[in-house]
PDB file of N, CA and C in Angstrom:
ATOM      1  N   MET A   1      -0.578  -9.770   7.002  1.00  0.00           N
ATOM      2  CA  MET A   1      -0.425  -8.248   6.788  1.00  0.00           C
ATOM      3  C   MET A   1      -1.906  -7.772   6.154  1.00  0.00           C
ATOM      4  N   TRP A   2      -2.448  -8.544   5.405  1.00  0.00           N
ATOM      5  CA  TRP A   2      -3.704  -8.153   4.814  1.00  0.00           C
ATOM      6  C   TRP A   2      -4.875  -8.024   6.066  1.00  0.00           C
ATOM      7  N   ILE A   3      -4.957  -8.871   7.102  1.00  0.00           N
ATOM      8  CA  ILE A   3      -5.961  -8.802   8.012  1.00  0.00           C
ATOM      9  C   ILE A   3      -5.723  -7.612   8.861  1.00  0.00           C
ATOM     10  N   VAL A   4      -4.552  -7.283   9.062  1.00  0.00           N
ATOM     11  CA  VAL A   4      -4.186  -6.006   9.775  1.00  0.00           C
ATOM     12  C   VAL A   4      -4.628  -4.912   9.023  1.00  0.00           C
ATOM     13  N   ALA A   5      -4.405  -4.689   7.766  1.00  0.00           N
ATOM     14  CA  ALA A   5      -4.830  -3.653   6.943  1.00  0.00           C
ATOM     15  C   ALA A   5      -6.363  -3.539   6.861  1.00  0.00           C
ATOM     16  N   ILE A   6      -7.015  -4.610   6.787  1.00  0.00           N
ATOM     17  CA  ILE A   6      -8.445  -4.597   6.740  1.00  0.00           C
ATOM     18  C   ILE A   6      -9.072  -4.175   7.951  1.00  0.00           C
ATOM     19  N   GLY A   7      -8.545  -4.747   9.046  1.00  0.00           N
ATOM     20  CA  GLY A   7      -9.014  -4.205  10.325  1.00  0.00           C
ATOM     21  C   GLY A   7      -8.600  -2.789  10.707  1.00  0.00           C
ATOM     22  N   TRP A   8      -7.489  -2.200  10.164  1.00  0.00           N
ATOM     23  CA  TRP A   8      -7.106  -0.732  10.249  1.00  0.00           C
ATOM     24  C   TRP A   8      -8.242   0.127   9.515  1.00  0.00           C
ATOM     25  N   MET A   9      -8.509  -0.342   8.312  1.00  0.00           N
ATOM     26  CA  MET A   9      -9.454   0.462   7.388  1.00  0.00           C
ATOM     27  C   MET A   9     -10.750   0.317   8.021  1.00  0.00           C
ATOM     28  N   TYR A  10     -11.163  -0.655   8.663  1.00  0.00           N
ATOM     29  CA  TYR A  10     -12.497  -0.837   9.447  1.00  0.00           C
ATOM     30  C   TYR A  10     -12.460   0.310  10.561  1.00  0.00           C
ATOM     31  N   VAL A  11     -11.412   0.402  11.304  1.00  0.00           N
ATOM     32  CA  VAL A  11     -11.420   1.243  12.274  1.00  0.00           C
ATOM     33  C   VAL A  11     -11.369   2.807  11.755  1.00  0.00           C
ATOM     34  N   VAL A  12     -10.728   3.014  10.819  1.00  0.00           N
ATOM     35  CA  VAL A  12     -10.613   4.330  10.203  1.00  0.00           C
ATOM     36  C   VAL A  12     -12.057   4.729   9.486  1.00  0.00           C
ATOM     37  N   THR A  13     -12.569   3.670   8.900  1.00  0.00           N
ATOM     38  CA  THR A  13     -13.995   4.085   8.514  1.00  0.00           C
ATOM     39  C   THR A  13     -14.956   4.502   9.602  1.00  0.00           C
ATOM     40  N   LEU A  14     -14.950   3.717  10.625  1.00  0.00           N
ATOM     41  CA  LEU A  14     -15.650   4.218  11.756  1.00  0.00           C
ATOM     42  C   LEU A  14     -15.396   5.428  12.492  1.00  0.00           C
ATOM     43  N   MET A  15     -14.009   5.894  12.367  1.00  0.00           N
ATOM     44  CA  MET A  15     -13.769   7.078  12.757  1.00  0.00           C
ATOM     45  C   MET A  15     -14.057   8.240  11.837  1.00  0.00           C
ATOM     46  N   ALA A  16     -14.052   7.890  10.610  1.00  0.00           N
ATOM     47  CA  ALA A  16     -14.477   8.905   9.586  1.00  0.00           C
ATOM     48  C   ALA A  16     -15.955   9.071   9.720  1.00  0.00           C
ATOM     49  N   ALA A  17     -16.723   8.087   9.774  1.00  0.00           N
ATOM     50  CA  ALA A  17     -18.143   8.090   9.960  1.00  0.00           C
ATOM     51  C   ALA A  17     -18.718   8.892  11.258  1.00  0.00           C
ATOM     52  N   THR A  18     -17.822   9.110  12.246  1.00  0.00           N
ATOM     53  CA  THR A  18     -18.179   9.921  13.431  1.00  0.00           C
ATOM     54  C   THR A  18     -17.743  11.469  13.289  1.00  0.00           C
ATOM     55  N   GLU A  19     -17.153  11.707  12.297  1.00  0.00           N
ATOM     56  CA  GLU A  19     -16.754  13.037  12.137  1.00  0.00           C
ATOM     57  C   GLU A  19     -17.912  14.170  11.983  1.00  0.00           C
ATOM     58  N   PRO A  20     -17.987  15.168  12.388  1.00  0.00           N
ATOM     59  CA  PRO A  20     -19.146  16.139  12.231  1.00  0.00           C
ATOM     60  C   PRO A  20     -19.381  16.575  10.981  1.00  0.00           C
ATOM     61  N   THR A  21     -18.363  16.686  10.112  1.00  0.00           N
ATOM     62  CA  THR A  21     -18.742  17.251   8.896  1.00  0.00           C
ATOM     63  C   THR A  21     -18.158  16.290   7.796  1.00  0.00           C
ATOM     64  N   VAL A  22     -18.728  16.206   6.515  1.00  0.00           N
ATOM     65  CA  VAL A  22     -18.348  15.323   5.559  1.00  0.00           C
ATOM     66  C   VAL A  22     -16.891  15.525   5.123  1.00  0.00           C
ATOM     67  N   VAL A  23     -16.568  16.845   5.052  1.00  0.00           N
ATOM     68  CA  VAL A  23     -15.058  17.216   4.605  1.00  0.00           C
ATOM     69  C   VAL A  23     -14.115  16.389   5.873  1.00  0.00           C
ATOM     70  N   GLY A  24     -14.557  16.584   7.074  1.00  0.00           N
ATOM     71  CA  GLY A  24     -13.750  16.053   8.131  1.00  0.00           C
ATOM     72  C   GLY A  24     -13.601  14.663   8.026  1.00  0.00           C
ATOM     73  N   GLY A  25     -14.669  14.115   7.594  1.00  0.00           N
ATOM     74  CA  GLY A  25     -14.718  12.517   7.473  1.00  0.00           C
ATOM     75  C   GLY A  25     -13.841  12.085   6.256  1.00  0.00           C
ATOM     76  N   ILE A  26     -13.775  12.843   5.145  1.00  0.00           N
ATOM     77  CA  ILE A  26     -13.048  12.448   4.095  1.00  0.00           C
ATOM     78  C   ILE A  26     -11.557  12.774   4.354  1.00  0.00           C
ATOM     79  N   MET A  27     -11.295  13.714   5.115  1.00  0.00           N
ATOM     80  CA  MET A  27      -9.876  13.957   5.537  1.00  0.00           C
ATOM     81  C   MET A  27      -9.381  12.853   6.544  1.00  0.00           C
ATOM     82  N   THR A  28     -10.315  12.528   7.367  1.00  0.00           N
ATOM     83  CA  THR A  28      -9.810  11.398   8.265  1.00  0.00           C
ATOM     84  C   THR A  28      -9.672  10.309   7.593  1.00  0.00           C
ATOM     85  N   PHE A  29     -10.525   9.730   6.550  1.00  0.00           N
ATOM     86  CA  PHE A  29     -10.393   8.543   5.945  1.00  0.00           C
ATOM     87  C   PHE A  29      -9.147   8.502   5.099  1.00  0.00           C
ATOM     88  N   PHE A  30      -8.753   9.559   4.330  1.00  0.00           N
ATOM     89  CA  PHE A  30      -7.451   9.695   3.622  1.00  0.00           C
ATOM     90  C   PHE A  30      -6.243   9.810   4.479  1.00  0.00           C
ATOM     91  N   GLY A  31      -6.321  10.693   5.469  1.00  0.00           N
ATOM     92  CA  GLY A  31      -5.134  10.993   6.256  1.00  0.00           C
ATOM     93  C   GLY A  31      -4.840   9.867   7.184  1.00  0.00           C
ATOM     94  N   TYR A  32      -5.658   9.069   7.776  1.00  0.00           N
ATOM     95  CA  TYR A  32      -5.473   8.008   8.627  1.00  0.00           C
ATOM     96  C   TYR A  32      -5.525   6.691   8.112  1.00  0.00           C
ATOM     97  N   GLY A  33      -6.157   6.625   6.782  1.00  0.00           N
ATOM     98  CA  GLY A  33      -6.370   5.276   6.216  1.00  0.00           C
ATOM     99  C   GLY A  33      -5.570   5.086   5.088  1.00  0.00           C
ATOM    100  N   VAL A  34      -5.970   5.795   4.003  1.00  0.00           N
ATOM    101  CA  VAL A  34      -5.456   5.495   2.593  1.00  0.00           C
ATOM    102  C   VAL A  34      -4.038   5.796   2.429  1.00  0.00           C
ATOM    103  N   LEU A  35      -3.544   6.969   2.859  1.00  0.00           N
ATOM    104  CA  LEU A  35      -2.063   7.332   2.865  1.00  0.00           C
ATOM    105  C   LEU A  35      -1.160   6.618   3.599  1.00  0.00           C
ATOM    106  N   PRO A  36      -1.406   6.269   4.813  1.00  0.00           N
ATOM    107  CA  PRO A  36      -0.470   5.423   5.724  1.00  0.00           C
ATOM    108  C   PRO A  36      -0.274   3.943   5.064  1.00  0.00           C
ATOM    109  N   LEU A  37      -1.728   3.542   4.702  1.00  0.00           N
ATOM    110  CA  LEU A  37      -1.572   2.084   4.024  1.00  0.00           C
ATOM    111  C   LEU A  37      -0.929   2.021   2.716  1.00  0.00           C
ATOM    112  N   SER A  38      -1.046   3.151   1.989  1.00  0.00           N
ATOM    113  CA  SER A  38      -0.363   3.150   0.688  1.00  0.00           C
ATOM    114  C   SER A  38       1.248   3.137   0.857  1.00  0.00           C
ATOM    115  N   ILE A  39       1.678   3.926   1.782  1.00  0.00           N
ATOM    116  CA  ILE A  39       2.954   3.833   2.178  1.00  0.00           C
ATOM    117  C   ILE A  39       3.618   2.639   2.566  1.00  0.00           C
ATOM    118  N   VAL A  40       2.705   2.008   3.573  1.00  0.00           N
ATOM    119  CA  VAL A  40       3.231   0.682   4.084  1.00  0.00           C
ATOM    120  C   VAL A  40       3.266  -0.148   3.116  1.00  0.00           C
ATOM    121  N   PHE A  41       2.282  -0.464   2.287  1.00  0.00           N
ATOM    122  CA  PHE A  41       2.342  -1.448   1.274  1.00  0.00           C
ATOM    123  C   PHE A  41       3.234  -1.262   0.155  1.00  0.00           C
ATOM    124  N   TYR A  42       3.674   0.145  -0.072  1.00  0.00           N
ATOM    125  CA  TYR A  42       4.953   0.334  -1.138  1.00  0.00           C
ATOM    126  C   TYR A  42       6.223  -0.131  -0.445  1.00  0.00           C
ATOM    127  N   LEU A  43       6.368   0.316   0.812  1.00  0.00           N
ATOM    128  CA  LEU A  43       7.631  -0.094   1.338  1.00  0.00           C
ATOM    129  C   LEU A  43       7.680  -1.602   1.580  1.00  0.00           C
ATOM    130  N   ALA A  44       6.619  -2.282   1.675  1.00  0.00           N
ATOM    131  CA  ALA A  44       6.614  -3.942   2.015  1.00  0.00           C
ATOM    132  C   ALA A  44       6.842  -4.403   0.732  1.00  0.00           C
ATOM    133  N   GLY A  45       6.494  -3.973  -0.397  1.00  0.00           N
ATOM    134  CA  GLY A  45       6.668  -4.478  -1.689  1.00  0.00           C
ATOM    135  C   GLY A  45       7.912  -4.193  -2.425  1.00  0.00           C
ATOM    136  N   SER A  46       8.734  -3.316  -1.675  1.00  0.00           N
ATOM    137  CA  SER A  46       9.898  -2.857  -2.396  1.00  0.00           C
ATOM    138  C   SER A  46      10.937  -4.163  -2.715  1.00  0.00           C
ATOM    139  N   ARG A  47      10.968  -5.080  -1.888  1.00  0.00           N
ATOM    140  CA  ARG A  47      11.792  -6.212  -1.872  1.00  0.00           C
ATOM    141  C   ARG A  47      11.295  -7.036  -3.156  1.00  0.00           C
ATOM    142  N   ARG A  48      10.014  -7.195  -3.187  1.00  0.00           N
ATOM    143  CA  ARG A  48       9.471  -7.989  -4.313  1.00  0.00           C
ATOM    144  C   ARG A  48       9.838  -7.454  -5.601  1.00  0.00           C
ATOM    145  N   ARG A  49       9.594  -6.062  -5.639  1.00  0.00           N
ATOM    146  CA  ARG A  49       9.960  -5.334  -7.029  1.00  0.00           C
ATOM    147  C   ARG A  49      11.461  -5.460  -7.362  1.00  0.00           C
ATOM    148  N   ARG A  50      12.214  -5.296  -6.415  1.00  0.00           N
ATOM    149  CA  ARG A  50      13.699  -5.375  -6.522  1.00  0.00           C
ATOM    150  C   ARG A  50      14.232  -6.798  -7.062  1.00  0.00           C
ATOM    151  N   GLU A  51      13.513  -7.987  -6.435  1.00  0.00           N
ATOM    152  CA  GLU A  51      13.846  -9.233  -7.015  1.00  0.00           C
ATOM    153  C   GLU A  51      13.154  -9.453  -8.393  1.00  0.00           C
ATOM    154  N   ARG A  52      11.958  -8.837  -8.651  1.00  0.00           N
ATOM    155  CA  ARG A  52      11.418  -9.073  -9.952  1.00  0.00           C
ATOM    156  C   ARG A  52      12.278  -8.453 -10.991  1.00  0.00           C
ATOM    157  N   ALA A  53      12.909  -7.353 -10.734  1.00  0.00           N
ATOM    158  CA  ALA A  53      13.722  -6.538 -11.648  1.00  0.00           C
ATOM    159  C   ALA A  53      15.119  -7.282 -11.889  1.00  0.00           C
ATOM    160  N   ALA A  54      15.535  -7.889 -10.724  1.00  0.00           N
ATOM    161  CA  ALA A  54      16.754  -8.735 -10.980  1.00  0.00           C
ATOM    162  C   ALA A  54      16.494 -10.033 -11.720  1.00  0.00           C
ATOM    163  N   ARG A  55      15.345 -10.517 -11.655  1.00  0.00           N
ATOM    164  CA  ARG A  55      15.204 -11.746 -12.468  1.00  0.00           C
ATOM    165  C   ARG A  55      14.870 -11.353 -13.941  1.00  0.00           C
ATOM    166  N   ALA A  56      14.304 -10.342 -14.216  1.00  0.00           N
ATOM    167  CA  ALA A  56      14.058  -9.864 -15.702  1.00  0.00           C
ATOM    168  C   ALA A  56      15.490  -9.488 -16.041  1.00  0.00           C
ATOM    169  N   ALA A  57      16.432  -8.857 -15.300  1.00  0.00           N
ATOM    170  CA  ALA A  57      17.757  -8.487 -15.810  1.00  0.00           C
ATOM    171  C   ALA A  57      18.436  -9.610 -16.219  1.00  0.00           C
ATOM    172  N   ALA A  58      18.399 -10.645 -15.155  1.00  0.00           N
ATOM    173  CA  ALA A  58      19.010 -11.937 -15.527  1.00  0.00           C
ATOM    174  C   ALA A  58      18.569 -12.617 -16.888  1.00  0.00           C
ATOM    175  N   ALA A  59      17.198 -12.637 -16.983  1.00  0.00           N
ATOM    176  CA  ALA A  59      16.727 -13.237 -18.037  1.00  0.00           C
ATOM    177  C   ALA A  59      17.120 -12.554 -19.505  1.00  0.00           C
ATOM    178  N   ARG A  60      17.022 -11.223 -19.352  1.00  0.00           N
ATOM    179  CA  ARG A  60      17.622 -10.439 -20.656  1.00  0.00           C
ATOM    180  C   ARG A  60      18.975 -10.811 -20.733  1.00  0.00           C
ATOM    181  N   ASP A  61      19.860 -10.849 -19.729  1.00  0.00           N
ATOM    182  CA  ASP A  61      21.480 -11.028 -19.953  1.00  0.00           C
ATOM    183  C   ASP A  61      21.529 -12.573 -20.534  1.00  0.00           C
ATOM    184  N   ALA A  62      20.612 -13.582 -20.090  1.00  0.00           N
ATOM    185  CA  ALA A  62      20.809 -14.837 -20.525  1.00  0.00           C
ATOM    186  C   ALA A  62      20.335 -15.154 -22.056  1.00  0.00           C
ATOM    187  N   THR A  63      19.310 -14.145 -22.528  1.00  0.00           N
ATOM    188  CA  THR A  63      19.003 -14.312 -23.953  1.00  0.00           C
ATOM    189  C   THR A  63      20.027 -13.494 -24.789  1.00  0.00           C
ATOM    190  N   SER A  64      20.560 -12.394 -24.195  1.00  0.00           N
ATOM    191  CA  SER A  64      21.513 -11.622 -24.842  1.00  0.00           C
ATOM    192  C   SER A  64      22.829 -12.286 -25.278  1.00  0.00           C
ATOM    193  N   THR A  65      23.223 -13.295 -24.382  1.00  0.00           N
ATOM    194  CA  THR A  65      24.637 -13.924 -24.596  1.00  0.00           C
ATOM    195  C   THR A  65      24.479 -15.086 -25.478  1.00  0.00           C
ATOM    196  N   ARG A  66      23.309 -15.569 -25.888  1.00  0.00           N
ATOM    197  CA  ARG A  66      23.087 -16.543 -26.719  1.00  0.00           C
ATOM    198  C   ARG A  66      23.487 -16.373 -28.218  1.00  0.00           C
TER     199      ARG A  66
END
C-alpha cells in the first residue's frame, strides 16, 4: 500500500508543478493528493484501531477482575 501511495504522491506532485499558478498547484496537491490519501489511510487503519481498543479493553478487564 505504501508504494502505491508514494507513486500517487509523485504523480500528484508533478501535476501540481505544471499548474499555471501557485494557488492552483497547492489546491491540486491537496485536492488530489493529501486529502484522498488521508481518507484512504484513515479507512485502512480502522480495523487496526478497533483491534487495539479491544485489546486494551480486554487488558483493563483482566486487571480489574483480580
